[in-house]
């Protein structure tokens, strides 16, 4: 099953296509925006997955989105978000450590080591 939903850009007049494919219990969601073309997580896919219809270019596609969302196992998406959140928390810690080390090295360079 393939369903295409048109979504308006938040920063231009462009319309993007978010394509949902469900085949053999696998779900793929692709967008033709710049982020989507390089397979990066984009707000267009995230917003539709969250049920946000505010950016939809054609309100007649709301029923199609509702149908798709009813077929998607939300726990699988939730697990992916949990993984992403863990990585983001670790990245925050590492960024903080990097700043501390850079400051410490800068002080040592200034005062001698």
N, C-alpha and C. Protein backbone atom coordinates (compact mmCIF):
# COMPACT_ATOMS: atom_id res chain seq x y z
N UNK A 1 0.84 -1.17 0.00
CA UNK A 1 0.00 0.00 0.00
C UNK A 1 0.89 1.24 0.00
N UNK A 2 0.60 2.19 -0.86
CA UNK A 2 1.36 3.44 -0.92
C UNK A 2 0.39 4.61 -0.89
N UNK A 3 0.70 5.58 -0.01
CA UNK A 3 -0.13 6.77 0.11
C UNK A 3 0.77 7.99 0.11
N UNK A 4 0.39 8.98 -0.68
CA UNK A 4 1.16 10.21 -0.82
C UNK A 4 0.36 11.36 -0.19
N UNK A 5 1.01 12.10 0.71
CA UNK A 5 0.39 13.25 1.37
C UNK A 5 1.20 14.49 1.02
N UNK A 6 0.52 15.54 0.56
CA UNK A 6 1.20 16.79 0.22
C UNK A 6 1.29 17.68 1.46
N UNK A 7 2.51 18.22 1.71
CA UNK A 7 2.76 19.04 2.89
C UNK A 7 3.40 20.35 2.46
N UNK A 8 2.93 21.46 3.04
CA UNK A 8 3.49 22.77 2.73
C UNK A 8 4.78 22.99 3.51
N UNK A 9 5.72 23.65 2.86
CA UNK A 9 6.96 24.05 3.52
C UNK A 9 6.63 25.16 4.52
N UNK A 10 7.36 25.19 5.63
CA UNK A 10 7.13 26.25 6.62
C UNK A 10 7.92 27.52 6.28
N UNK A 11 8.86 27.41 5.32
CA UNK A 11 9.71 28.56 5.02
C UNK A 11 9.62 29.06 3.57
N UNK A 12 8.83 28.39 2.76
CA UNK A 12 8.69 28.82 1.36
C UNK A 12 7.32 28.38 0.83
N UNK A 13 7.12 28.59 -0.45
CA UNK A 13 5.85 28.19 -1.07
C UNK A 13 5.87 26.77 -1.62
N UNK A 14 6.94 26.05 -1.33
CA UNK A 14 7.09 24.68 -1.85
C UNK A 14 6.09 23.72 -1.22
N UNK A 15 5.74 22.73 -1.99
CA UNK A 15 4.90 21.63 -1.51
C UNK A 15 5.75 20.37 -1.61
N UNK A 16 5.82 19.61 -0.51
CA UNK A 16 6.59 18.37 -0.49
C UNK A 16 5.63 17.19 -0.45
N UNK A 17 6.12 16.06 -0.94
CA UNK A 17 5.35 14.83 -0.91
C UNK A 17 5.93 13.90 0.14
N UNK A 18 5.10 13.51 1.08
CA UNK A 18 5.49 12.50 2.05
C UNK A 18 4.80 11.22 1.62
N UNK A 19 5.61 10.20 1.36
CA UNK A 19 5.08 8.95 0.83
C UNK A 19 5.19 7.86 1.90
N UNK A 20 4.06 7.29 2.25
CA UNK A 20 3.98 6.18 3.21
C UNK A 20 3.82 4.90 2.41
N UNK A 21 4.67 3.92 2.70
CA UNK A 21 4.53 2.60 2.07
C UNK A 21 4.47 1.57 3.18
N UNK A 22 3.48 0.71 3.09
CA UNK A 22 3.36 -0.40 4.03
C UNK A 22 3.32 -1.68 3.21
N UNK A 23 4.38 -2.48 3.35
CA UNK A 23 4.48 -3.74 2.61
C UNK A 23 5.09 -4.80 3.51
N UNK A 24 4.46 -5.93 3.59
CA UNK A 24 4.97 -7.06 4.38
C UNK A 24 5.36 -6.66 5.80
N UNK A 25 4.51 -5.90 6.44
CA UNK A 25 4.71 -5.47 7.83
C UNK A 25 5.88 -4.49 8.00
N UNK A 26 6.41 -3.95 6.89
CA UNK A 26 7.44 -2.93 6.95
C UNK A 26 6.84 -1.59 6.55
N UNK A 27 7.25 -0.55 7.26
CA UNK A 27 6.74 0.78 6.99
C UNK A 27 7.91 1.66 6.53
N UNK A 28 7.73 2.33 5.42
CA UNK A 28 8.73 3.33 5.02
C UNK A 28 8.00 4.65 4.83
N UNK A 29 8.67 5.72 5.26
CA UNK A 29 8.09 7.06 5.16
C UNK A 29 9.18 7.94 4.56
N UNK A 30 8.93 8.46 3.37
CA UNK A 30 9.91 9.28 2.69
C UNK A 30 9.32 10.64 2.33
N UNK A 31 10.20 11.63 2.29
CA UNK A 31 9.79 12.99 1.95
C UNK A 31 10.77 13.51 0.90
N UNK A 32 10.28 14.32 -0.01
CA UNK A 32 11.17 14.85 -1.04
C UNK A 32 11.72 16.24 -0.70
N UNK A 33 11.69 16.63 0.58
CA UNK A 33 12.35 17.86 1.00
C UNK A 33 13.86 17.60 1.02
N UNK A 34 14.65 18.66 1.23
CA UNK A 34 16.11 18.49 1.22
C UNK A 34 16.58 17.49 2.27
N UNK A 35 16.05 17.58 3.48
CA UNK A 35 16.45 16.65 4.53
C UNK A 35 16.02 15.22 4.17
N UNK A 36 14.82 15.09 3.67
CA UNK A 36 14.32 13.77 3.32
C UNK A 36 15.09 13.11 2.19
N UNK A 37 15.55 13.91 1.24
CA UNK A 37 16.30 13.36 0.11
C UNK A 37 17.63 12.74 0.53
N UNK A 38 18.19 13.24 1.63
CA UNK A 38 19.43 12.64 2.14
C UNK A 38 19.15 11.71 3.32
N UNK A 39 17.87 11.32 3.45
CA UNK A 39 17.43 10.34 4.45
C UNK A 39 17.62 10.82 5.89
N UNK A 40 17.55 12.14 6.10
CA UNK A 40 17.61 12.70 7.44
C UNK A 40 16.18 12.91 7.94
N UNK A 41 16.00 12.79 9.22
CA UNK A 41 14.69 12.97 9.83
C UNK A 41 14.20 14.39 9.56
N UNK A 42 13.03 14.54 8.98
CA UNK A 42 12.50 15.88 8.68
C UNK A 42 11.20 16.12 9.44
N UNK A 43 10.91 17.41 9.61
CA UNK A 43 9.72 17.80 10.37
C UNK A 43 8.42 17.42 9.65
N UNK A 44 8.48 17.28 8.34
CA UNK A 44 7.27 16.93 7.59
C UNK A 44 6.78 15.53 7.97
N UNK A 45 7.72 14.60 8.03
CA UNK A 45 7.37 13.22 8.42
C UNK A 45 6.96 13.18 9.89
N UNK A 46 7.75 13.86 10.73
CA UNK A 46 7.45 13.85 12.17
C UNK A 46 6.08 14.44 12.46
N UNK A 47 5.76 15.56 11.81
CA UNK A 47 4.47 16.20 12.05
C UNK A 47 3.31 15.30 11.63
N UNK A 48 3.44 14.67 10.48
CA UNK A 48 2.36 13.78 10.05
C UNK A 48 2.23 12.58 10.98
N UNK A 49 3.35 12.01 11.41
CA UNK A 49 3.30 10.89 12.35
C UNK A 49 2.63 11.28 13.66
N UNK A 50 2.79 12.54 14.04
CA UNK A 50 2.17 13.04 15.27
C UNK A 50 0.70 13.39 15.05
N UNK A 51 0.24 13.28 13.80
CA UNK A 51 -1.16 13.59 13.50
C UNK A 51 -1.42 15.06 13.27
N UNK A 52 -0.36 15.85 13.12
CA UNK A 52 -0.50 17.30 12.89
C UNK A 52 -0.87 17.53 11.43
N UNK A 53 -2.08 18.03 11.22
CA UNK A 53 -2.57 18.24 9.85
C UNK A 53 -2.44 19.71 9.42
N UNK A 54 -1.90 20.55 10.28
CA UNK A 54 -1.87 21.99 10.00
C UNK A 54 -1.06 22.35 8.75
N UNK A 55 -0.06 21.59 8.40
CA UNK A 55 0.76 21.90 7.22
C UNK A 55 0.33 21.14 5.97
N UNK A 56 -0.70 20.34 6.09
CA UNK A 56 -1.14 19.58 4.91
C UNK A 56 -1.64 20.54 3.84
N UNK A 57 -1.19 20.32 2.62
CA UNK A 57 -1.58 21.19 1.50
C UNK A 57 -3.01 20.93 1.06
N UNK A 58 -3.46 19.70 1.22
CA UNK A 58 -4.81 19.34 0.80
C UNK A 58 -5.54 18.67 1.96
N UNK A 59 -6.48 19.38 2.52
CA UNK A 59 -7.22 18.85 3.68
C UNK A 59 -8.03 17.61 3.31
N UNK A 60 -8.23 17.38 2.03
CA UNK A 60 -8.95 16.18 1.60
C UNK A 60 -8.14 14.91 1.87
N UNK A 61 -6.86 15.07 2.20
CA UNK A 61 -6.01 13.91 2.47
C UNK A 61 -5.99 13.52 3.95
N UNK A 62 -6.76 14.22 4.77
CA UNK A 62 -6.79 13.93 6.21
C UNK A 62 -7.25 12.51 6.47
N UNK A 63 -8.25 12.05 5.77
CA UNK A 63 -8.76 10.69 5.98
C UNK A 63 -7.69 9.65 5.61
N UNK A 64 -6.94 9.92 4.56
CA UNK A 64 -5.87 9.00 4.16
C UNK A 64 -4.81 8.92 5.25
N UNK A 65 -4.47 10.07 5.83
CA UNK A 65 -3.49 10.09 6.92
C UNK A 65 -4.03 9.33 8.13
N UNK A 66 -5.27 9.55 8.46
CA UNK A 66 -5.89 8.86 9.59
C UNK A 66 -5.84 7.35 9.38
N UNK A 67 -6.11 6.92 8.17
CA UNK A 67 -6.06 5.49 7.84
C UNK A 67 -4.65 4.94 8.01
N UNK A 68 -3.67 5.66 7.51
CA UNK A 68 -2.27 5.22 7.64
C UNK A 68 -1.87 5.12 9.10
N UNK A 69 -2.18 6.17 9.87
CA UNK A 69 -1.78 6.18 11.28
C UNK A 69 -2.41 5.04 12.06
N UNK A 70 -3.60 4.62 11.65
CA UNK A 70 -4.25 3.49 12.33
C UNK A 70 -3.54 2.17 12.05
N UNK A 71 -2.78 2.11 10.96
CA UNK A 71 -2.09 0.88 10.58
C UNK A 71 -0.65 0.81 11.08
N UNK A 72 -0.16 1.91 11.62
CA UNK A 72 1.22 1.94 12.08
C UNK A 72 1.30 1.55 13.55
N UNK A 73 2.20 0.64 13.85
CA UNK A 73 2.44 0.20 15.22
C UNK A 73 3.23 1.30 15.94
N UNK A 74 2.53 2.07 16.76
CA UNK A 74 3.15 3.22 17.44
C UNK A 74 4.29 2.81 18.36
N UNK A 75 4.28 1.58 18.87
CA UNK A 75 5.34 1.16 19.78
C UNK A 75 6.68 1.08 19.06
N UNK A 76 6.66 0.72 17.78
CA UNK A 76 7.91 0.67 17.01
C UNK A 76 8.51 2.06 16.86
N UNK A 77 7.68 3.05 16.60
CA UNK A 77 8.14 4.43 16.48
C UNK A 77 8.61 4.94 17.84
N UNK A 78 7.88 4.61 18.87
CA UNK A 78 8.25 5.02 20.23
C UNK A 78 9.62 4.48 20.60
N UNK A 79 9.90 3.25 20.23
CA UNK A 79 11.22 2.65 20.52
C UNK A 79 12.33 3.41 19.80
N UNK A 80 12.06 3.84 18.57
CA UNK A 80 13.06 4.61 17.83
C UNK A 80 13.31 5.96 18.50
N UNK A 81 12.23 6.61 18.94
CA UNK A 81 12.38 7.89 19.63
C UNK A 81 13.15 7.72 20.94
N UNK A 82 12.92 6.62 21.63
CA UNK A 82 13.64 6.35 22.88
C UNK A 82 15.13 6.21 22.61
N UNK A 83 15.48 5.49 21.55
CA UNK A 83 16.90 5.35 21.18
C UNK A 83 17.51 6.71 20.86
N UNK A 84 16.79 7.50 20.08
CA UNK A 84 17.28 8.83 19.70
C UNK A 84 17.46 9.71 20.93
N UNK A 85 16.52 9.65 21.85
CA UNK A 85 16.61 10.44 23.07
C UNK A 85 17.84 10.06 23.90
N UNK A 86 18.12 8.77 24.00
CA UNK A 86 19.30 8.32 24.73
C UNK A 86 20.57 8.88 24.11
N UNK A 87 20.65 8.85 22.80
CA UNK A 87 21.83 9.36 22.11
C UNK A 87 21.94 10.88 22.31
N UNK A 88 20.81 11.58 22.25
CA UNK A 88 20.85 13.03 22.45
C UNK A 88 21.30 13.38 23.86
N UNK A 89 20.87 12.62 24.86
CA UNK A 89 21.29 12.87 26.25
C UNK A 89 22.79 12.62 26.40
N UNK A 90 23.28 11.57 25.78
CA UNK A 90 24.71 11.27 25.84
C UNK A 90 25.51 12.36 25.12
N UNK A 91 24.99 12.84 24.01
CA UNK A 91 25.65 13.90 23.26
C UNK A 91 25.74 15.18 24.09
N UNK A 92 24.69 15.49 24.85
CA UNK A 92 24.73 16.66 25.74
C UNK A 92 25.85 16.53 26.76
N UNK A 93 25.97 15.34 27.34
CA UNK A 93 27.03 15.10 28.33
C UNK A 93 28.40 15.27 27.69
N UNK A 94 28.58 14.70 26.51
CA UNK A 94 29.87 14.78 25.84
C UNK A 94 30.20 16.22 25.41
N UNK A 95 29.20 16.96 24.98
CA UNK A 95 29.40 18.36 24.61
C UNK A 95 29.83 19.17 25.82
N UNK A 96 29.21 18.92 26.95
CA UNK A 96 29.59 19.60 28.19
C UNK A 96 31.02 19.25 28.59
N UNK A 97 31.37 17.99 28.50
CA UNK A 97 32.72 17.55 28.82
C UNK A 97 33.74 18.20 27.89
N UNK A 98 33.40 18.28 26.61
CA UNK A 98 34.29 18.91 25.63
C UNK A 98 34.54 20.37 26.00
N UNK A 99 33.49 21.09 26.37
CA UNK A 99 33.64 22.50 26.76
C UNK A 99 34.55 22.63 27.99
N UNK A 100 34.33 21.76 28.97
CA UNK A 100 35.15 21.80 30.18
C UNK A 100 36.62 21.54 29.85
N UNK A 101 36.87 20.53 29.03
CA UNK A 101 38.25 20.20 28.64
C UNK A 101 38.89 21.33 27.85
N UNK A 102 38.14 21.91 26.91
CA UNK A 102 38.68 23.01 26.12
C UNK A 102 39.04 24.20 27.00
N UNK A 103 38.19 24.51 27.97
CA UNK A 103 38.45 25.61 28.89
C UNK A 103 39.69 25.31 29.73
N UNK A 104 39.78 24.10 30.23
CA UNK A 104 40.92 23.69 31.06
C UNK A 104 42.22 23.74 30.26
N UNK A 105 42.20 23.27 29.03
CA UNK A 105 43.40 23.30 28.20
C UNK A 105 43.77 24.75 27.87
N UNK A 106 42.78 25.57 27.61
CA UNK A 106 43.02 26.98 27.33
C UNK A 106 43.69 27.66 28.52
N UNK A 107 43.22 27.36 29.74
CA UNK A 107 43.83 27.93 30.96
C UNK A 107 45.26 27.46 31.11
N UNK A 108 45.49 26.19 30.86
CA UNK A 108 46.85 25.64 30.98
C UNK A 108 47.78 26.30 29.94
N UNK A 109 47.31 26.48 28.72
CA UNK A 109 48.12 27.13 27.70
C UNK A 109 48.47 28.57 28.12
N UNK A 110 47.49 29.24 28.75
CA UNK A 110 47.69 30.64 29.15
C UNK A 110 48.65 30.77 30.35
N UNK A 111 48.54 29.84 31.29
CA UNK A 111 49.33 29.98 32.51
C UNK A 111 50.53 29.04 32.56
N UNK A 112 50.62 28.18 31.62
CA UNK A 112 51.76 27.26 31.56
C UNK A 112 51.36 25.83 31.91
N UNK A 113 52.04 24.91 31.31
CA UNK A 113 51.74 23.49 31.57
C UNK A 113 53.00 22.67 31.58
